[in-house]
C-alpha atoms as a PDB file:
ATOM      1  CA  UNK A   1      44.796 176.546  88.444  1.00  0.00           C
ATOM      2  CA  UNK A   2      44.015 178.987  85.668  1.00  0.00           C
ATOM      3  CA  UNK A   3      42.445 182.348  86.404  1.00  0.00           C
ATOM      4  CA  UNK A   4      39.457 182.626  84.093  1.00  0.00           C
ATOM      5  CA  UNK A   5      38.653 186.274  84.711  1.00  0.00           C
ATOM      6  CA  UNK A   6      35.705 188.138  86.136  1.00  0.00           C
ATOM      7  CA  UNK A   7      32.370 186.315  85.754  1.00  0.00           C
ATOM      8  CA  UNK A   8      29.958 187.520  83.074  1.00  0.00           C
ATOM      9  CA  UNK A   9      27.063 185.310  84.156  1.00  0.00           C
ATOM     10  CA  UNK A  10      24.055 187.022  85.685  1.00  0.00           C
ATOM     11  CA  UNK A  11      24.879 185.327  89.004  1.00  0.00           C
ATOM     12  CA  UNK A  12      27.792 183.247  90.264  1.00  0.00           C
ATOM     13  CA  UNK A  13      28.586 181.892  93.690  1.00  0.00           C
ATOM     14  CA  UNK A  14      31.101 179.621  95.324  1.00  0.00           C
ATOM     15  CA  UNK A  15      29.322 176.824  97.213  1.00  0.00           C
ATOM     16  CA  UNK A  16      30.239 174.074  99.630  1.00  0.00           C
ATOM     17  CA  UNK A  17      30.382 170.994  97.336  1.00  0.00           C
ATOM     18  CA  UNK A  18      28.826 168.694  99.930  1.00  0.00           C
ATOM     19  CA  UNK A  19      25.852 170.898 100.854  1.00  0.00           C
ATOM     20  CA  UNK A  20      25.418 173.248  97.894  1.00  0.00           C
ATOM     21  CA  UNK A  21      25.171 176.182 100.315  1.00  0.00           C
ATOM     22  CA  UNK A  22      26.970 179.425  99.460  1.00  0.00           C
ATOM     23  CA  UNK A  23      30.312 180.007 101.138  1.00  0.00           C
ATOM     24  CA  UNK A  24      31.010 183.365 102.728  1.00  0.00           C
ATOM     25  CA  UNK A  25      32.715 185.880 100.458  1.00  0.00           C
ATOM     26  CA  UNK A  26      36.411 184.994 100.502  1.00  0.00           C
ATOM     27  CA  UNK A  27      35.442 181.670 102.114  1.00  0.00           C
ATOM     28  CA  UNK A  28      38.043 179.656 100.217  1.00  0.00           C
ATOM     29  CA  UNK A  29      37.662 177.011  97.551  1.00  0.00           C
ATOM     30  CA  UNK A  30      34.246 175.652  96.672  1.00  0.00           C
ATOM     31  CA  UNK A  31      32.131 174.555  93.725  1.00  0.00           C
ATOM     32  CA  UNK A  32      31.425 177.240  91.146  1.00  0.00           C
ATOM     33  CA  UNK A  33      27.645 177.527  90.694  1.00  0.00           C
ATOM     34  CA  UNK A  34      25.762 179.744  88.263  1.00  0.00           C
ATOM     35  CA  UNK A  35      22.194 180.943  87.915  1.00  0.00           C
ATOM     36  CA  UNK A  36      20.297 183.157  85.514  1.00  0.00           C
ATOM     37  CA  UNK A  37      18.092 183.259  82.407  1.00  0.00           C
ATOM     38  CA  UNK A  38      20.894 182.062  80.108  1.00  0.00           C
ATOM     39  CA  UNK A  39      21.749 179.042  82.293  1.00  0.00           C
ATOM     40  CA  UNK A  40      20.454 175.578  81.389  1.00  0.00           C
ATOM     41  CA  UNK A  41      17.417 174.501  83.426  1.00  0.00           C
ATOM     42  CA  UNK A  42      18.205 170.772  83.234  1.00  0.00           C
ATOM     43  CA  UNK A  43      20.123 168.114  81.319  1.00  0.00           C
ATOM     44  CA  UNK A  44      18.402 165.430  79.275  1.00  0.00           C
ATOM     45  CA  UNK A  45      17.914 162.255  81.352  1.00  0.00           C
ATOM     46  CA  UNK A  46      19.619 163.714  84.444  1.00  0.00           C
ATOM     47  CA  UNK A  47      17.639 164.538  87.573  1.00  0.00           C
ATOM     48  CA  UNK A  48      17.719 168.239  88.474  1.00  0.00           C
ATOM     49  CA  UNK A  49      18.702 167.187  92.000  1.00  0.00           C
ATOM     50  CA  UNK A  50      21.972 165.837  90.561  1.00  0.00           C
ATOM     51  CA  UNK A  51      22.853 168.871  88.455  1.00  0.00           C
ATOM     52  CA  UNK A  52      21.514 171.753  90.571  1.00  0.00           C
ATOM     53  CA  UNK A  53      21.549 172.810  94.202  1.00  0.00           C
ATOM     54  CA  UNK A  54      18.291 172.648  96.148  1.00  0.00           C
ATOM     55  CA  UNK A  55      17.771 176.383  95.537  1.00  0.00           C
ATOM     56  CA  UNK A  56      18.269 176.166  91.762  1.00  0.00           C
ATOM     57  CA  UNK A  57      21.957 176.945  91.122  1.00  0.00           C
ATOM     58  CA  UNK A  58      23.651 174.904  88.362  1.00  0.00           C
ATOM     59  CA  UNK A  59      26.582 172.967  89.780  1.00  0.00           C
ATOM     60  CA  UNK A  60      29.347 173.380  87.186  1.00  0.00           C
ATOM     61  CA  UNK A  61      31.563 170.711  88.702  1.00  0.00           C
ATOM     62  CA  UNK A  62      34.471 173.144  88.777  1.00  0.00           C
ATOM     63  CA  UNK A  63      36.120 173.983  92.092  1.00  0.00           C
ATOM     64  CA  UNK A  64      37.474 177.476  92.440  1.00  0.00           C
ATOM     65  CA  UNK A  65      37.794 180.646  94.436  1.00  0.00           C
ATOM     66  CA  UNK A  66      37.003 184.292  93.856  1.00  0.00           C
ATOM     67  CA  UNK A  67      39.649 186.934  94.395  1.00  0.00           C
ATOM     68  CA  UNK A  68      38.145 189.372  96.927  1.00  0.00           C
ATOM     69  CA  UNK A  69      39.797 192.406  95.277  1.00  0.00           C
ATOM     70  CA  UNK A  70      39.450 191.839  91.526  1.00  0.00           C
ATOM     71  CA  UNK A  71      36.461 189.477  91.559  1.00  0.00           C
ATOM     72  CA  UNK A  72      38.242 187.119  89.168  1.00  0.00           C
ATOM     73  CA  UNK A  73      37.702 183.381  89.425  1.00  0.00           C
ATOM     74  CA  UNK A  74      40.520 180.848  89.721  1.00  0.00           C
ATOM     75  CA  UNK A  75      39.744 177.207  88.946  1.00  0.00           C
ATOM     76  CA  UNK A  76      41.482 174.834  91.341  1.00  0.00           C
ATOM     77  CA  UNK A  77      39.968 171.448  90.469  1.00  0.00           C
ATOM     78  CA  UNK A  78      36.869 169.391  89.681  1.00  0.00           C
ATOM     79  CA  UNK A  79      34.070 168.121  91.912  1.00  0.00           C
ATOM     80  CA  UNK A  80      32.463 165.709  89.538  1.00  0.00           C
ATOM     81  CA  UNK A  81      34.095 163.857  86.724  1.00  0.00           C
ATOM     82  CA  UNK A  82      31.704 162.854  83.981  1.00  0.00           C
ATOM     83  CA  UNK A  83      32.862 159.990  81.829  1.00  0.00           C
ATOM     84  CA  UNK A  84      32.285 160.739  78.147  1.00  0.00           C
ATOM     85  CA  UNK A  85      31.696 157.555  76.148  1.00  0.00           C
ATOM     86  CA  UNK A  86      31.267 158.239  72.439  1.00  0.00           C
ATOM     87  CA  UNK A  87      29.567 161.593  73.088  1.00  0.00           C
ATOM     88  CA  UNK A  88      27.310 160.188  75.828  1.00  0.00           C
ATOM     89  CA  UNK A  89      27.848 161.126  79.467  1.00  0.00           C
ATOM     90  CA  UNK A  90      28.054 158.670  82.351  1.00  0.00           C
ATOM     91  CA  UNK A  91      27.748 159.924  85.918  1.00  0.00           C
ATOM     92  CA  UNK A  92      30.216 157.900  88.039  1.00  0.00           C
ATOM     93  CA  UNK A  93      28.086 158.288  91.173  1.00  0.00           C
ATOM     94  CA  UNK A  94      25.157 156.542  89.468  1.00  0.00           C
ATOM     95  CA  UNK A  95      27.366 153.546  88.636  1.00  0.00           C
ATOM     96  CA  UNK A  96      28.838 153.542  92.168  1.00  0.00           C
ATOM     97  CA  UNK A  97      25.395 153.559  93.785  1.00  0.00           C
ATOM     98  CA  UNK A  98      24.041 150.886  91.451  1.00  0.00           C
ATOM     99  CA  UNK A  99      26.899 148.507  92.292  1.00  0.00           C
ATOM    100  CA  UNK A 100      26.931 149.079  96.055  1.00  0.00           C
ATOM    101  CA  UNK A 101      23.150 148.697  96.273  1.00  0.00           C
ATOM    102  CA  UNK A 102      22.969 145.570  94.095  1.00  0.00           C
ATOM    103  CA  UNK A 103      26.038 143.510  95.016  1.00  0.00           C
ATOM    104  CA  UNK A 104      26.147 142.611  98.713  1.00  0.00           C
ATOM    105  CA  UNK A 105      29.864 141.787  98.778  1.00  0.00           C
ATOM    106  CA  UNK A 106      30.849 145.270  97.547  1.00  0.00           C
ATOM    107  CA  UNK A 107      31.440 147.882 100.230  1.00  0.00           C
ATOM    108  CA  UNK A 108      32.887 150.681  98.060  1.00  0.00           C
ATOM    109  CA  UNK A 109      32.709 151.286  94.313  1.00  0.00           C
ATOM    110  CA  UNK A 110      34.808 153.968  92.642  1.00  0.00           C
ATOM    111  CA  UNK A 111      33.885 154.542  89.004  1.00  0.00           C
ATOM    112  CA  UNK A 112      36.228 156.357  86.637  1.00  0.00           C
ATOM    113  CA  UNK A 113      36.946 156.773  82.954  1.00  0.00           C
ATOM    114  CA  UNK A 114      39.785 155.082  81.107  1.00  0.00           C
ATOM    115  CA  UNK A 115      40.978 155.885  77.568  1.00  0.00           C
ATOM    116  CA  UNK A 116      39.367 154.083  74.652  1.00  0.00           C
ATOM    117  CA  UNK A 117      40.604 154.670  71.088  1.00  0.00           C
ATOM    118  CA  UNK A 118      37.165 154.330  69.497  1.00  0.00           C
ATOM    119  CA  UNK A 119      34.867 155.928  72.110  1.00  0.00           C
ATOM    120  CA  UNK A 120      37.241 158.391  73.783  1.00  0.00           C
ATOM    121  CA  UNK A 121      36.631 156.873  77.206  1.00  0.00           C
ATOM    122  CA  UNK A 122      35.068 153.780  78.697  1.00  0.00           C
ATOM    123  CA  UNK A 123      33.837 153.015  82.192  1.00  0.00           C
ATOM    124  CA  UNK A 124      35.968 151.207  84.758  1.00  0.00           C
ATOM    125  CA  UNK A 125      35.307 150.583  88.435  1.00  0.00           C
ATOM    126  CA  UNK A 126      37.506 149.759  91.397  1.00  0.00           C
ATOM    127  CA  UNK A 127      35.699 147.906  94.159  1.00  0.00           C
ATOM    128  CA  UNK A 128      36.492 147.162  97.768  1.00  0.00           C
ATOM    129  CA  UNK A 129      34.904 144.021  99.172  1.00  0.00           C
ATOM    130  CA  UNK A 130      33.163 144.076 102.554  1.00  0.00           C
ATOM    131  CA  UNK A 131      35.204 142.969 105.564  1.00  0.00           C
ATOM    132  CA  UNK A 132      32.920 139.967 106.066  1.00  0.00           C
ATOM    133  CA  UNK A 133      33.754 138.667 102.592  1.00  0.00           C
ATOM    134  CA  UNK A 134      36.400 135.961 102.612  1.00  0.00           C
ATOM    135  CA  UNK A 135      38.686 137.566 100.033  1.00  0.00           C
ATOM    136  CA  UNK A 136      40.920 134.513  99.617  1.00  0.00           C
ATOM    137  CA  UNK A 137      38.075 132.182  98.615  1.00  0.00           C
ATOM    138  CA  UNK A 138      35.889 134.732  96.834  1.00  0.00           C
ATOM    139  CA  UNK A 139      35.153 133.987  93.197  1.00  0.00           C
ATOM    140  CA  UNK A 140      36.058 137.385  91.772  1.00  0.00           C
ATOM    141  CA  UNK A 141      34.865 136.485  88.276  1.00  0.00           C
ATOM    142  CA  UNK A 142      31.389 135.817  89.717  1.00  0.00           C
ATOM    143  CA  UNK A 143      31.375 139.182  91.519  1.00  0.00           C
ATOM    144  CA  UNK A 144      32.594 140.921  88.341  1.00  0.00           C
ATOM    145  CA  UNK A 145      29.721 139.289  86.413  1.00  0.00           C
ATOM    146  CA  UNK A 146      27.200 140.438  89.053  1.00  0.00           C
ATOM    147  CA  UNK A 147      28.610 143.995  88.984  1.00  0.00           C
ATOM    148  CA  UNK A 148      28.171 144.181  85.209  1.00  0.00           C
ATOM    149  CA  UNK A 149      24.712 142.591  85.301  1.00  0.00           C
ATOM    150  CA  UNK A 150      23.536 145.065  87.975  1.00  0.00           C
ATOM    151  CA  UNK A 151      24.636 147.941  85.751  1.00  0.00           C
ATOM    152  CA  UNK A 152      22.977 146.398  82.682  1.00  0.00           C
ATOM    153  CA  UNK A 153      19.705 146.077  84.571  1.00  0.00           C
ATOM    154  CA  UNK A 154      19.607 149.621  86.007  1.00  0.00           C
ATOM    155  CA  UNK A 155      21.699 151.822  83.698  1.00  0.00           C
ATOM    156  CA  UNK A 156      22.346 152.465  80.008  1.00  0.00           C
ATOM    157  CA  UNK A 157      24.675 150.005  78.277  1.00  0.00           C
ATOM    158  CA  UNK A 158      27.392 152.675  78.007  1.00  0.00           C
ATOM    159  CA  UNK A 159      27.566 152.775  81.829  1.00  0.00           C
ATOM    160  CA  UNK A 160      28.428 149.079  82.177  1.00  0.00           C
ATOM    161  CA  UNK A 161      32.065 148.886  83.326  1.00  0.00           C
ATOM    162  CA  UNK A 162      34.445 147.303  80.839  1.00  0.00           C
ATOM    163  CA  UNK A 163      36.953 146.767  83.659  1.00  0.00           C
ATOM    164  CA  UNK A 164      36.376 145.736  87.279  1.00  0.00           C
ATOM    165  CA  UNK A 165      39.388 146.086  89.571  1.00  0.00           C
ATOM    166  CA  UNK A 166      39.530 144.607  93.061  1.00  0.00           C
ATOM    167  CA  UNK A 167      41.396 146.814  95.527  1.00  0.00           C
ATOM    168  CA  UNK A 168      41.898 147.216  99.286  1.00  0.00           C
ATOM    169  CA  UNK A 169      40.745 150.284 101.209  1.00  0.00           C
ATOM    170  CA  UNK A 170      44.322 151.495 101.669  1.00  0.00           C
ATOM    171  CA  UNK A 171      44.771 151.571  97.864  1.00  0.00           C
ATOM    172  CA  UNK A 172      42.100 154.247  97.395  1.00  0.00           C
ATOM    173  CA  UNK A 173      43.845 157.465  96.310  1.00  0.00           C
END
């Protein structure tokens, strides 16, 4: 990934993406988190618990490492992938949780963005049905309808998936 130089933020740390806790200096790749007076306190309509660590560091969503000699940061990937629909942001995890909690037959939901000429991106979801669901006789159009209705009830309209794909666990990348 690209080296972006030495940080100019008041404070920067590399954190474990799953816990938000700081990694030891030279502890490898982790989420780049920032904190200081010039850092946003919260996003509009997004819970602070989703955008910040429990001790107040903004989770940038970028994965990287710090060179122990020069102090420069190298970006190696992304933790979270926001879907940008016509300038609005959709958090995939919110769509995933909504679907899994509302539709009994769905074991796993994986939400992602797909290109859209007008809006830039639109929401799509790949779902894995529970083992107890008889996949051969399952009415997938009914499940797709229920997935979309669950999202309409709990989320903004822009978060309703335009595509619902049915996959098997071994097809998850």
